[in-house]
């Protein structure tokens, strides 16, 4: 009975430790003033492709004053722009550069990949291929909170990775 108990206790401890490590890897975030930038990530790029995008699970404004994301920069691209995606009246997706993205007080704005309408940080003139597992710095500038350096994780989208795993 003692061996049985120890084996199951060890298994349970390993499972809990694994879950905590997964949360730590998937839940990175960065504070700047009243803002919290949650999980910055980019999709891997292909050889020869010169553009990419950065997304966030969210930018949460915990303050009582609205703020704005007004710029970004990184060493992995020549130019960085804030973009909005919108479906037009003819069901055509349109992308346009923005001067700023509003972050209302007490709200969270998401920059999620694959959203039909939303935001992303566009990387133009990539200086290197973005490979799954890589990380790179991105500096975000907010009108009131100032600048914060975040670490962007390059990762394959979960749906795409699962589709690859299930190919026969």
N, C-alpha and C. Protein backbone atom coordinates (compact mmCIF):
# COMPACT_ATOMS: atom_id res chain seq x y z
N UNK A 1 0.82 -1.19 0.00
CA UNK A 1 0.00 0.00 0.00
C UNK A 1 0.87 1.26 0.00
N UNK A 2 1.99 1.24 0.69
CA UNK A 2 2.87 2.40 0.76
C UNK A 2 3.47 2.73 -0.61
N UNK A 3 3.91 1.71 -1.35
CA UNK A 3 4.46 1.94 -2.69
C UNK A 3 3.38 2.54 -3.60
N UNK A 4 2.16 2.03 -3.49
CA UNK A 4 1.04 2.53 -4.29
C UNK A 4 0.80 4.00 -3.98
N UNK A 5 0.77 4.36 -2.70
CA UNK A 5 0.53 5.73 -2.28
C UNK A 5 1.65 6.66 -2.78
N UNK A 6 2.89 6.26 -2.60
CA UNK A 6 4.02 7.09 -3.03
C UNK A 6 4.05 7.27 -4.54
N UNK A 7 3.74 6.21 -5.29
CA UNK A 7 3.73 6.31 -6.75
C UNK A 7 2.66 7.30 -7.21
N UNK A 8 1.47 7.24 -6.62
CA UNK A 8 0.40 8.17 -7.02
C UNK A 8 0.67 9.59 -6.53
N UNK A 9 1.27 9.71 -5.36
CA UNK A 9 1.63 11.04 -4.88
C UNK A 9 2.69 11.67 -5.78
N UNK A 10 3.66 10.89 -6.20
CA UNK A 10 4.69 11.38 -7.11
C UNK A 10 4.08 11.78 -8.45
N UNK A 11 3.17 10.97 -8.98
CA UNK A 11 2.49 11.28 -10.24
C UNK A 11 1.69 12.57 -10.11
N UNK A 12 0.97 12.73 -9.01
CA UNK A 12 0.19 13.94 -8.79
C UNK A 12 1.10 15.17 -8.70
N UNK A 13 2.19 15.06 -7.96
CA UNK A 13 3.12 16.19 -7.84
C UNK A 13 3.72 16.57 -9.19
N UNK A 14 4.09 15.60 -9.99
CA UNK A 14 4.63 15.88 -11.32
C UNK A 14 3.59 16.55 -12.20
N UNK A 15 2.34 16.10 -12.12
CA UNK A 15 1.27 16.70 -12.92
C UNK A 15 1.04 18.15 -12.52
N UNK A 16 1.02 18.44 -11.23
CA UNK A 16 0.84 19.81 -10.75
C UNK A 16 2.02 20.68 -11.18
N UNK A 17 3.24 20.18 -11.03
CA UNK A 17 4.43 20.92 -11.46
C UNK A 17 4.39 21.20 -12.95
N UNK A 18 4.00 20.22 -13.75
CA UNK A 18 3.89 20.41 -15.20
C UNK A 18 2.86 21.46 -15.55
N UNK A 19 1.72 21.46 -14.86
CA UNK A 19 0.69 22.46 -15.09
C UNK A 19 1.18 23.85 -14.75
N UNK A 20 1.88 23.98 -13.63
CA UNK A 20 2.42 25.29 -13.24
C UNK A 20 3.45 25.79 -14.24
N UNK A 21 4.29 24.89 -14.75
CA UNK A 21 5.28 25.29 -15.76
C UNK A 21 4.59 25.73 -17.04
N UNK A 22 3.53 25.05 -17.45
CA UNK A 22 2.78 25.42 -18.65
C UNK A 22 2.18 26.80 -18.47
N UNK A 23 1.59 27.06 -17.29
CA UNK A 23 1.03 28.38 -17.03
C UNK A 23 2.11 29.45 -17.09
N UNK A 24 3.27 29.17 -16.54
CA UNK A 24 4.36 30.16 -16.55
C UNK A 24 4.80 30.46 -17.96
N UNK A 25 4.87 29.46 -18.82
CA UNK A 25 5.30 29.66 -20.20
C UNK A 25 4.24 30.42 -20.99
N UNK A 26 2.96 30.08 -20.81
CA UNK A 26 1.89 30.65 -21.61
C UNK A 26 1.34 31.96 -21.06
N UNK A 27 1.72 32.34 -19.86
CA UNK A 27 1.09 33.49 -19.23
C UNK A 27 2.09 34.59 -18.91
N UNK A 28 2.98 34.91 -19.83
CA UNK A 28 3.91 35.99 -19.54
C UNK A 28 3.24 37.33 -19.83
N UNK A 29 3.59 38.32 -19.02
CA UNK A 29 3.01 39.63 -19.19
C UNK A 29 3.94 40.71 -18.65
N UNK A 30 3.61 41.96 -18.98
CA UNK A 30 4.48 43.08 -18.66
C UNK A 30 3.65 44.26 -18.19
N UNK A 31 4.07 44.88 -17.08
CA UNK A 31 3.40 46.05 -16.52
C UNK A 31 4.08 47.33 -16.97
N UNK A 32 3.26 48.35 -17.23
CA UNK A 32 3.76 49.70 -17.45
C UNK A 32 2.66 50.65 -16.96
N UNK A 33 2.93 51.36 -15.89
CA UNK A 33 1.91 52.21 -15.28
C UNK A 33 0.71 51.37 -14.88
N UNK A 34 -0.48 51.80 -15.27
CA UNK A 34 -1.72 51.06 -14.97
C UNK A 34 -2.02 49.98 -16.01
N UNK A 35 -1.14 49.80 -16.99
CA UNK A 35 -1.39 48.86 -18.08
C UNK A 35 -0.67 47.54 -17.84
N UNK A 36 -1.30 46.47 -18.31
CA UNK A 36 -0.70 45.14 -18.28
C UNK A 36 -0.79 44.55 -19.68
N UNK A 37 0.36 44.28 -20.30
CA UNK A 37 0.43 43.70 -21.64
C UNK A 37 0.55 42.19 -21.46
N UNK A 38 -0.48 41.48 -21.92
CA UNK A 38 -0.58 40.04 -21.67
C UNK A 38 -0.20 39.22 -22.89
N UNK A 39 0.81 38.40 -22.74
CA UNK A 39 1.29 37.41 -23.70
C UNK A 39 1.48 37.95 -25.13
N UNK A 40 2.54 38.74 -25.35
CA UNK A 40 2.88 39.14 -26.72
C UNK A 40 3.40 37.94 -27.52
N UNK A 41 2.89 37.75 -28.73
CA UNK A 41 3.33 36.61 -29.54
C UNK A 41 3.29 36.96 -31.03
N UNK A 42 4.07 36.22 -31.81
CA UNK A 42 4.11 36.38 -33.26
C UNK A 42 4.06 34.99 -33.88
N UNK A 43 3.56 34.92 -35.10
CA UNK A 43 3.56 33.66 -35.84
C UNK A 43 4.90 33.48 -36.53
N UNK A 44 5.35 32.24 -36.70
CA UNK A 44 6.58 32.02 -37.47
C UNK A 44 6.41 32.55 -38.89
N UNK A 45 7.51 33.03 -39.46
CA UNK A 45 7.47 33.51 -40.85
C UNK A 45 8.19 32.50 -41.74
N UNK A 46 7.99 32.64 -43.03
CA UNK A 46 8.62 31.76 -44.00
C UNK A 46 9.83 32.46 -44.60
N UNK A 47 10.79 31.68 -45.05
CA UNK A 47 11.97 32.22 -45.73
C UNK A 47 11.51 33.09 -46.89
N UNK A 48 12.06 34.29 -47.00
CA UNK A 48 11.72 35.19 -48.10
C UNK A 48 10.54 36.11 -47.83
N UNK A 49 9.75 35.82 -46.81
CA UNK A 49 8.62 36.68 -46.44
C UNK A 49 9.16 37.82 -45.61
N UNK A 50 8.86 39.04 -46.00
CA UNK A 50 9.46 40.21 -45.37
C UNK A 50 8.55 40.91 -44.35
N UNK A 51 7.34 40.40 -44.14
CA UNK A 51 6.43 41.03 -43.19
C UNK A 51 5.95 40.00 -42.17
N UNK A 52 5.61 40.49 -41.00
CA UNK A 52 5.07 39.65 -39.95
C UNK A 52 4.16 40.49 -39.07
N UNK A 53 3.65 39.88 -38.01
CA UNK A 53 2.75 40.60 -37.11
C UNK A 53 2.95 40.11 -35.69
N UNK A 54 2.70 41.04 -34.74
CA UNK A 54 2.72 40.73 -33.32
C UNK A 54 1.31 40.92 -32.79
N UNK A 55 0.93 40.01 -31.89
CA UNK A 55 -0.40 40.04 -31.27
C UNK A 55 -0.23 40.00 -29.76
N UNK A 56 -1.31 40.26 -29.05
CA UNK A 56 -1.33 40.18 -27.59
C UNK A 56 -2.62 39.50 -27.18
N UNK A 57 -2.57 38.70 -26.13
CA UNK A 57 -3.82 38.16 -25.58
C UNK A 57 -4.65 39.33 -25.09
N UNK A 58 -3.99 40.42 -24.73
CA UNK A 58 -4.72 41.62 -24.32
C UNK A 58 -3.79 42.68 -23.77
N UNK A 59 -4.27 43.92 -23.80
CA UNK A 59 -3.64 45.02 -23.09
C UNK A 59 -4.72 45.55 -22.15
N UNK A 60 -4.53 45.32 -20.87
CA UNK A 60 -5.53 45.66 -19.85
C UNK A 60 -5.17 46.98 -19.19
N UNK A 61 -6.14 47.87 -19.13
CA UNK A 61 -5.97 49.14 -18.45
C UNK A 61 -6.66 49.04 -17.09
N UNK A 62 -5.88 48.90 -16.04
CA UNK A 62 -6.41 48.79 -14.69
C UNK A 62 -6.65 50.15 -14.04
N UNK A 63 -6.35 51.21 -14.77
CA UNK A 63 -6.47 52.56 -14.22
C UNK A 63 -7.83 53.18 -14.44
N UNK A 64 -7.94 54.43 -14.01
CA UNK A 64 -9.18 55.19 -14.14
C UNK A 64 -9.11 56.21 -15.26
N UNK A 65 -7.97 56.19 -15.99
CA UNK A 65 -7.77 57.11 -17.11
C UNK A 65 -7.47 56.32 -18.37
N UNK A 66 -8.12 56.70 -19.46
CA UNK A 66 -7.85 56.05 -20.75
C UNK A 66 -6.41 56.31 -21.17
N UNK A 67 -5.87 55.40 -21.96
CA UNK A 67 -4.52 55.56 -22.50
C UNK A 67 -4.59 55.18 -23.98
N UNK A 68 -3.47 55.32 -24.66
CA UNK A 68 -3.38 54.94 -26.08
C UNK A 68 -2.03 54.30 -26.35
N UNK A 69 -2.06 53.23 -27.15
CA UNK A 69 -0.83 52.69 -27.71
C UNK A 69 -0.52 53.57 -28.91
N UNK A 70 0.63 54.26 -28.87
CA UNK A 70 0.93 55.23 -29.94
C UNK A 70 2.12 54.83 -30.81
N UNK A 71 2.78 53.73 -30.48
CA UNK A 71 3.90 53.32 -31.31
C UNK A 71 4.56 52.06 -30.80
N UNK A 72 5.42 51.51 -31.65
CA UNK A 72 6.18 50.31 -31.29
C UNK A 72 7.44 50.28 -32.14
N UNK A 73 8.45 49.58 -31.63
CA UNK A 73 9.68 49.40 -32.40
C UNK A 73 10.33 48.09 -31.99
N UNK A 74 11.13 47.55 -32.90
CA UNK A 74 11.87 46.32 -32.64
C UNK A 74 13.09 46.28 -33.53
N UNK A 75 14.07 45.48 -33.13
CA UNK A 75 15.27 45.32 -33.93
C UNK A 75 15.11 44.28 -35.04
N UNK A 76 14.02 43.50 -35.04
CA UNK A 76 13.86 42.43 -36.03
C UNK A 76 13.18 42.90 -37.31
N UNK A 77 12.74 44.17 -37.35
CA UNK A 77 12.08 44.69 -38.55
C UNK A 77 12.52 46.13 -38.80
N UNK A 78 12.48 46.53 -40.07
CA UNK A 78 12.86 47.90 -40.42
C UNK A 78 11.83 48.90 -39.94
N UNK A 79 10.54 48.55 -40.06
CA UNK A 79 9.45 49.45 -39.71
C UNK A 79 8.40 48.69 -38.92
N UNK A 80 7.79 49.38 -37.95
CA UNK A 80 6.72 48.79 -37.15
C UNK A 80 5.53 49.75 -37.19
N UNK A 81 4.34 49.20 -37.46
CA UNK A 81 3.12 50.01 -37.56
C UNK A 81 2.01 49.37 -36.75
N UNK A 82 1.08 50.20 -36.27
CA UNK A 82 -0.14 49.72 -35.63
C UNK A 82 -1.20 49.58 -36.71
N UNK A 83 -1.86 48.43 -36.76
CA UNK A 83 -2.85 48.18 -37.82
C UNK A 83 -4.18 47.74 -37.25
N UNK A 84 -5.21 48.07 -38.01
CA UNK A 84 -6.57 47.62 -37.71
C UNK A 84 -7.08 46.80 -38.90
N UNK A 85 -7.77 45.71 -38.60
CA UNK A 85 -8.40 44.89 -39.64
C UNK A 85 -9.91 45.09 -39.51
N UNK A 86 -10.58 45.32 -40.65
CA UNK A 86 -12.04 45.49 -40.67
C UNK A 86 -12.60 44.87 -41.94
N UNK A 87 -13.75 44.25 -41.81
CA UNK A 87 -14.47 43.71 -42.96
C UNK A 87 -15.29 44.84 -43.58
N UNK A 88 -15.13 45.07 -44.89
CA UNK A 88 -15.91 46.14 -45.52
C UNK A 88 -17.29 45.62 -45.94
N UNK A 89 -18.09 46.48 -46.52
CA UNK A 89 -19.47 46.13 -46.89
C UNK A 89 -19.53 45.06 -47.98
N UNK A 90 -18.44 44.82 -48.70
CA UNK A 90 -18.39 43.79 -49.75
C UNK A 90 -17.76 42.49 -49.24
N UNK A 91 -17.67 42.35 -47.92
CA UNK A 91 -17.06 41.17 -47.30
C UNK A 91 -15.59 40.98 -47.69
N UNK A 92 -14.88 42.09 -47.84
CA UNK A 92 -13.45 42.06 -48.13
C UNK A 92 -12.73 42.61 -46.90
N UNK A 93 -11.73 41.86 -46.42
CA UNK A 93 -10.97 42.29 -45.26
C UNK A 93 -10.03 43.42 -45.67
N UNK A 94 -10.08 44.51 -44.94
CA UNK A 94 -9.22 45.67 -45.19
C UNK A 94 -8.33 45.91 -43.99
N UNK A 95 -7.08 46.26 -44.26
CA UNK A 95 -6.13 46.58 -43.22
C UNK A 95 -5.71 48.03 -43.40
N UNK A 96 -5.65 48.76 -42.28
CA UNK A 96 -5.18 50.14 -42.38
C UNK A 96 -4.31 50.48 -41.19
N UNK A 97 -3.33 51.35 -41.45
CA UNK A 97 -2.44 51.81 -40.40
C UNK A 97 -3.18 52.81 -39.52
N UNK A 98 -2.90 52.73 -38.22
CA UNK A 98 -3.49 53.65 -37.25
C UNK A 98 -2.40 54.47 -36.57
N UNK A 99 -2.74 55.69 -36.19
CA UNK A 99 -1.80 56.51 -35.42
C UNK A 99 -1.77 56.07 -33.96
N UNK A 100 -2.89 55.50 -33.47
CA UNK A 100 -2.99 55.08 -32.07
C UNK A 100 -4.12 54.08 -31.92
N UNK A 101 -4.03 53.28 -30.86
CA UNK A 101 -5.10 52.37 -30.49
C UNK A 101 -5.54 52.76 -29.08
N UNK A 102 -6.82 53.07 -28.92
CA UNK A 102 -7.35 53.46 -27.61
C UNK A 102 -7.39 52.27 -26.66
N UNK A 103 -6.98 52.52 -25.41
CA UNK A 103 -7.05 51.53 -24.34
C UNK A 103 -7.91 52.17 -23.24
N UNK A 104 -9.24 51.97 -23.29
CA UNK A 104 -10.14 52.63 -22.33
C UNK A 104 -9.85 52.24 -20.88
N UNK A 105 -10.14 53.13 -19.96
CA UNK A 105 -9.97 52.86 -18.53
C UNK A 105 -10.82 51.66 -18.13
N UNK A 106 -10.26 50.78 -17.33
CA UNK A 106 -11.00 49.63 -16.83
C UNK A 106 -11.35 48.59 -17.88
N UNK A 107 -10.70 48.62 -19.03
CA UNK A 107 -11.02 47.70 -20.13
C UNK A 107 -9.77 46.97 -20.59
N UNK A 108 -10.00 45.95 -21.41
CA UNK A 108 -8.91 45.21 -22.03
C UNK A 108 -9.15 45.17 -23.53
N UNK A 109 -8.12 45.52 -24.28
CA UNK A 109 -8.18 45.49 -25.75
C UNK A 109 -7.34 44.30 -26.20
N UNK A 110 -7.93 43.43 -27.04
CA UNK A 110 -7.21 42.25 -27.51
C UNK A 110 -6.66 42.50 -28.92
N UNK A 111 -5.53 41.90 -29.18
CA UNK A 111 -4.86 41.94 -30.48
C UNK A 111 -4.63 40.48 -30.86
N UNK A 112 -5.69 39.73 -31.08
CA UNK A 112 -5.60 38.28 -31.23
C UNK A 112 -5.53 37.89 -32.70
N UNK A 113 -4.60 37.01 -33.02
CA UNK A 113 -4.43 36.50 -34.38
C UNK A 113 -5.70 35.77 -34.81
N UNK A 114 -6.11 35.99 -36.06
CA UNK A 114 -7.25 35.29 -36.61
C UNK A 114 -8.58 35.94 -36.32
N UNK A 115 -8.58 37.04 -35.60
CA UNK A 115 -9.82 37.76 -35.33
C UNK A 115 -10.29 38.44 -36.61
N UNK A 116 -11.56 38.33 -36.96
CA UNK A 116 -12.02 38.96 -38.21
C UNK A 116 -11.93 40.49 -38.18
N UNK A 117 -12.06 41.07 -37.00
CA UNK A 117 -11.91 42.51 -36.87
C UNK A 117 -11.10 42.76 -35.61
N UNK A 118 -10.02 43.49 -35.74
CA UNK A 118 -9.19 43.74 -34.58
C UNK A 118 -7.89 44.42 -34.95
N UNK A 119 -6.93 44.29 -34.06
CA UNK A 119 -5.67 45.01 -34.19
C UNK A 119 -4.49 44.04 -34.22
N UNK A 120 -3.37 44.54 -34.74
CA UNK A 120 -2.09 43.85 -34.64
C UNK A 120 -0.97 44.88 -34.84
N UNK A 121 0.22 44.49 -34.45
CA UNK A 121 1.41 45.32 -34.68
C UNK A 121 2.10 44.71 -35.89
N UNK A 122 2.18 45.48 -36.97
CA UNK A 122 2.73 44.99 -38.24
C UNK A 122 4.24 45.20 -38.26
N UNK A 123 4.95 44.14 -38.61
CA UNK A 123 6.41 44.18 -38.76
C UNK A 123 6.73 44.21 -40.25
N UNK A 124 7.29 45.29 -40.73
CA UNK A 124 7.60 45.45 -42.15
C UNK A 124 9.11 45.41 -42.35
N UNK A 125 9.54 44.66 -43.34
CA UNK A 125 10.97 44.54 -43.63
C UNK A 125 11.68 43.70 -42.58
N UNK A 126 11.18 42.48 -42.35
CA UNK A 126 11.82 41.59 -41.38
C UNK A 126 13.30 41.42 -41.72
N UNK A 127 14.13 41.49 -40.73
CA UNK A 127 15.58 41.32 -40.91
C UNK A 127 16.01 39.87 -40.70
N UNK A 128 15.10 39.04 -40.23
CA UNK A 128 15.38 37.63 -39.99
C UNK A 128 14.08 36.84 -40.07
N UNK A 129 14.21 35.56 -40.32
CA UNK A 129 13.06 34.67 -40.30
C UNK A 129 12.65 34.49 -38.84
N UNK A 130 11.35 34.58 -38.56
CA UNK A 130 10.84 34.34 -37.22
C UNK A 130 10.55 32.84 -37.10
N UNK A 131 11.33 32.16 -36.26
CA UNK A 131 11.21 30.70 -36.14
C UNK A 131 10.48 30.34 -34.86
N UNK A 132 9.65 29.29 -34.96
CA UNK A 132 8.91 28.78 -33.80
C UNK A 132 9.88 28.55 -32.65
N UNK A 133 9.56 29.11 -31.49
CA UNK A 133 10.42 28.96 -30.31
C UNK A 133 11.33 30.15 -30.07
N UNK A 134 11.52 31.01 -31.08
CA UNK A 134 12.35 32.20 -30.91
C UNK A 134 11.64 33.22 -30.02
N UNK A 135 12.39 34.17 -29.52
CA UNK A 135 11.85 35.31 -28.78
C UNK A 135 12.59 36.55 -29.25
N UNK A 136 11.91 37.68 -29.21
CA UNK A 136 12.58 38.94 -29.55
C UNK A 136 11.95 40.09 -28.79
N UNK A 137 12.72 41.19 -28.56
CA UNK A 137 12.18 42.33 -27.83
C UNK A 137 11.36 43.24 -28.73
N UNK A 138 10.32 43.82 -28.14
CA UNK A 138 9.47 44.81 -28.79
C UNK A 138 9.22 45.90 -27.76
N UNK A 139 9.44 47.16 -28.15
CA UNK A 139 9.19 48.28 -27.26
C UNK A 139 7.86 48.90 -27.66
N UNK A 140 6.94 48.99 -26.71
CA UNK A 140 5.63 49.60 -26.93
C UNK A 140 5.61 50.96 -26.26
N UNK A 141 5.06 51.96 -26.95
CA UNK A 141 4.98 53.31 -26.39
C UNK A 141 3.52 53.68 -26.20
N UNK A 142 3.19 54.07 -24.98
CA UNK A 142 1.84 54.49 -24.62
C UNK A 142 1.85 55.98 -24.32
N UNK A 143 0.76 56.64 -24.65
CA UNK A 143 0.67 58.09 -24.48
C UNK A 143 0.91 58.52 -23.04
N UNK A 144 0.31 57.84 -22.08
CA UNK A 144 0.43 58.24 -20.68
C UNK A 144 1.37 57.33 -19.89
N UNK A 145 1.32 56.04 -20.10
CA UNK A 145 2.10 55.09 -19.31
C UNK A 145 3.58 55.07 -19.69
N UNK A 146 3.90 55.55 -20.89
CA UNK A 146 5.29 55.57 -21.33
C UNK A 146 5.67 54.33 -22.12
N UNK A 147 6.94 53.98 -22.07
CA UNK A 147 7.45 52.88 -22.89
C UNK A 147 7.72 51.64 -22.03
N UNK A 148 7.46 50.47 -22.61
CA UNK A 148 7.77 49.21 -21.96
C UNK A 148 8.39 48.26 -22.98
N UNK A 149 9.40 47.54 -22.54
CA UNK A 149 10.03 46.51 -23.37
C UNK A 149 9.34 45.19 -23.02
N UNK A 150 8.79 44.53 -24.04
CA UNK A 150 8.15 43.22 -23.85
C UNK A 150 8.93 42.18 -24.63
N UNK A 151 8.77 40.94 -24.25
CA UNK A 151 9.40 39.83 -24.96
C UNK A 151 8.32 39.11 -25.76
N UNK A 152 8.51 39.06 -27.07
CA UNK A 152 7.55 38.43 -27.97
C UNK A 152 7.97 36.98 -28.20
N UNK A 153 7.05 36.06 -27.98
CA UNK A 153 7.29 34.64 -28.23
C UNK A 153 6.83 34.33 -29.65
N UNK A 154 7.67 33.69 -30.43
CA UNK A 154 7.28 33.22 -31.77
C UNK A 154 6.72 31.82 -31.58
N UNK A 155 5.45 31.65 -31.98
CA UNK A 155 4.81 30.36 -31.75
C UNK A 155 3.79 30.06 -32.84
N UNK A 156 3.70 28.79 -33.19
CA UNK A 156 2.71 28.32 -34.14
C UNK A 156 1.34 28.39 -33.48
N UNK A 157 0.35 28.86 -34.22
CA UNK A 157 -1.01 28.93 -33.70
C UNK A 157 -1.46 27.53 -33.28
N UNK A 158 -2.18 27.43 -32.16
CA UNK A 158 -2.61 26.14 -31.64
C UNK A 158 -3.43 25.35 -32.65
N UNK A 159 -4.36 25.98 -33.32
CA UNK A 159 -5.21 25.26 -34.28
C UNK A 159 -4.37 24.69 -35.42
N UNK A 160 -3.40 25.47 -35.90
CA UNK A 160 -2.54 24.99 -36.99
C UNK A 160 -1.66 23.85 -36.51
N UNK A 161 -1.13 23.96 -35.29
CA UNK A 161 -0.27 22.91 -34.75
C UNK A 161 -1.06 21.62 -34.55
N UNK A 162 -2.30 21.73 -34.05
CA UNK A 162 -3.13 20.55 -33.85
C UNK A 162 -3.48 19.91 -35.18
N UNK A 163 -3.74 20.71 -36.21
CA UNK A 163 -4.05 20.16 -37.54
C UNK A 163 -2.85 19.38 -38.08
N UNK A 164 -1.64 19.93 -37.87
CA UNK A 164 -0.43 19.25 -38.31
C UNK A 164 -0.26 17.91 -37.59
N UNK A 165 -0.54 17.90 -36.28
CA UNK A 165 -0.38 16.67 -35.50
C UNK A 165 -1.33 15.58 -35.96
N UNK A 166 -2.49 15.97 -36.48
CA UNK A 166 -3.50 14.99 -36.83
C UNK A 166 -3.52 14.60 -38.31
N UNK A 167 -2.54 15.06 -39.07
CA UNK A 167 -2.44 14.65 -40.48
C UNK A 167 -2.00 13.21 -40.56
N UNK A 168 -2.57 12.46 -41.48
CA UNK A 168 -2.20 11.05 -41.64
C UNK A 168 -1.66 10.81 -43.03
